[in-house]
Structure formats: structure tokens, C-alpha cells
Amino acid sequence: MKKWEYLTIKLETSGWLIGGNFNETKLDEYMNILGEDGWELVSAFDTNKNQGASKDIVAIFKREL
């Protein structure tokens, strides 16, 4: 049976009042570095700040042990 390890990263959004802006380039950098180390993105979602604005972007990765 395969065994996995998991990694979660969180990127904060920015913006006055509404929020919801985040640095896509930073996410790409994380994903490329992790991909080179064998990590695979399995899920990504945002957390709610208020009135539908995003507080954080959360990405979950896995790789085989």
C-alpha cells in the first residue's frame, strides 16, 4: 500500500477593506519548487474574511513516502 506525506501552505491576501488580492507569482514559485521535490497539488481553496472576500489561499500538497 502506498504511503503519503502532506504539506499545507497558506498565502495571505491583501487589500484595504475588501481584501482578496494575492500574489500569483509567489504561488507559482512555491508550486514549482515543491513540484521539483516531488510534491503534487491535491487541493486549493480560500478562507472567508467577510462579505465573501478571501482572507487566505490554502494549498495542500502530497508526495509518496
C-alpha atoms as a PDB file:
ATOM      1  CA  MET A   1       0.000   0.000   0.000  1.00  0.00           C
ATOM      2  CA  LYS A   2       1.293   3.484  -0.857  1.00  0.00           C
ATOM      3  CA  LYS A   3       2.001   5.892   1.962  1.00  0.00           C
ATOM      4  CA  TRP A   4       1.802   9.655   1.612  1.00  0.00           C
ATOM      5  CA  GLU A   5       3.001  12.743   3.405  1.00  0.00           C
ATOM      6  CA  TYR A   6       1.163  16.043   3.169  1.00  0.00           C
ATOM      7  CA  LEU A   7       2.136  19.714   3.193  1.00  0.00           C
ATOM      8  CA  THR A   8      -0.136  22.739   3.573  1.00  0.00           C
ATOM      9  CA  ILE A   9       0.863  26.271   2.598  1.00  0.00           C
ATOM     10  CA  LYS A  10      -1.132  29.426   3.265  1.00  0.00           C
ATOM     11  CA  LEU A  11      -0.807  32.675   1.324  1.00  0.00           C
ATOM     12  CA  GLU A  12      -2.358  35.778   2.828  1.00  0.00           C
ATOM     13  CA  THR A  13      -4.429  38.097   0.666  1.00  0.00           C
ATOM     14  CA  SER A  14      -4.124  41.860   0.806  1.00  0.00           C
ATOM     15  CA  GLY A  15      -6.210  44.878   0.057  1.00  0.00           C
ATOM     16  CA  TRP A  16      -7.850  47.559   2.143  1.00  0.00           C
ATOM     17  CA  LEU A  17     -11.377  46.725   3.317  1.00  0.00           C
ATOM     18  CA  ILE A  18     -12.274  44.120   0.718  1.00  0.00           C
ATOM     19  CA  GLY A  19      -9.075  42.051   0.520  1.00  0.00           C
ATOM     20  CA  GLY A  20      -8.884  39.155  -1.867  1.00  0.00           C
ATOM     21  CA  ASN A  21      -5.733  40.156  -3.762  1.00  0.00           C
ATOM     22  CA  PHE A  22      -2.865  37.704  -3.639  1.00  0.00           C
ATOM     23  CA  ASN A  23       0.480  37.294  -5.350  1.00  0.00           C
ATOM     24  CA  GLU A  24       0.065  34.664  -8.088  1.00  0.00           C
ATOM     25  CA  THR A  25       3.794  34.816  -8.829  1.00  0.00           C
ATOM     26  CA  LYS A  26       4.582  33.770  -5.260  1.00  0.00           C
ATOM     27  CA  LEU A  27       2.168  30.839  -5.551  1.00  0.00           C
ATOM     28  CA  ASP A  28       3.772  29.803  -8.857  1.00  0.00           C
ATOM     29  CA  GLU A  29       7.219  29.924  -7.236  1.00  0.00           C
ATOM     30  CA  TYR A  30       6.061  27.731  -4.341  1.00  0.00           C
ATOM     31  CA  MET A  31       4.396  25.261  -6.702  1.00  0.00           C
ATOM     32  CA  ASN A  32       7.436  24.979  -8.988  1.00  0.00           C
ATOM     33  CA  ILE A  33       9.850  24.449  -6.082  1.00  0.00           C
ATOM     34  CA  LEU A  34       7.582  21.887  -4.438  1.00  0.00           C
ATOM     35  CA  GLY A  35       6.950  20.146  -7.763  1.00  0.00           C
ATOM     36  CA  GLU A  36      10.696  19.697  -8.262  1.00  0.00           C
ATOM     37  CA  ASP A  37      10.795  17.999  -4.845  1.00  0.00           C
ATOM     38  CA  GLY A  38       8.039  15.561  -5.817  1.00  0.00           C
ATOM     39  CA  TRP A  39       5.058  17.358  -4.231  1.00  0.00           C
ATOM     40  CA  GLU A  40       1.741  17.264  -6.108  1.00  0.00           C
ATOM     41  CA  LEU A  41      -1.036  19.817  -5.587  1.00  0.00           C
ATOM     42  CA  VAL A  42      -4.193  17.995  -4.481  1.00  0.00           C
ATOM     43  CA  SER A  43      -6.426  20.847  -3.327  1.00  0.00           C
ATOM     44  CA  ALA A  44      -6.582  24.633  -3.152  1.00  0.00           C
ATOM     45  CA  PHE A  45      -9.229  26.863  -1.607  1.00  0.00           C
ATOM     46  CA  ASP A  46      -9.733  30.250   0.008  1.00  0.00           C
ATOM     47  CA  THR A  47     -10.858  31.147   3.509  1.00  0.00           C
ATOM     48  CA  ASN A  48     -13.534  33.769   4.092  1.00  0.00           C
ATOM     49  CA  LYS A  49     -12.666  37.183   5.555  1.00  0.00           C
ATOM     50  CA  ASN A  50     -16.022  38.973   5.418  1.00  0.00           C
ATOM     51  CA  GLN A  51     -18.828  39.523   2.936  1.00  0.00           C
ATOM     52  CA  GLY A  52     -17.315  36.981   0.552  1.00  0.00           C
ATOM     53  CA  ALA A  53     -13.782  38.420   0.479  1.00  0.00           C
ATOM     54  CA  SER A  54     -10.903  35.948   0.697  1.00  0.00           C
ATOM     55  CA  LYS A  55      -8.649  36.006   3.753  1.00  0.00           C
ATOM     56  CA  ASP A  56      -6.109  33.342   2.777  1.00  0.00           C
ATOM     57  CA  ILE A  57      -5.385  30.977  -0.096  1.00  0.00           C
ATOM     58  CA  VAL A  58      -4.648  27.471   1.174  1.00  0.00           C
ATOM     59  CA  ALA A  59      -2.902  24.849  -0.967  1.00  0.00           C
ATOM     60  CA  ILE A  60      -2.474  21.205   0.055  1.00  0.00           C
ATOM     61  CA  PHE A  61       0.233  19.037  -1.484  1.00  0.00           C
ATOM     62  CA  LYS A  62       1.116  15.348  -1.181  1.00  0.00           C
ATOM     63  CA  ARG A  63       4.024  13.113  -2.130  1.00  0.00           C
ATOM     64  CA  GLU A  64       4.706   9.459  -1.774  1.00  0.00           C
ATOM     65  CA  LEU A  65       6.882   8.381   1.147  1.00  0.00           C
END
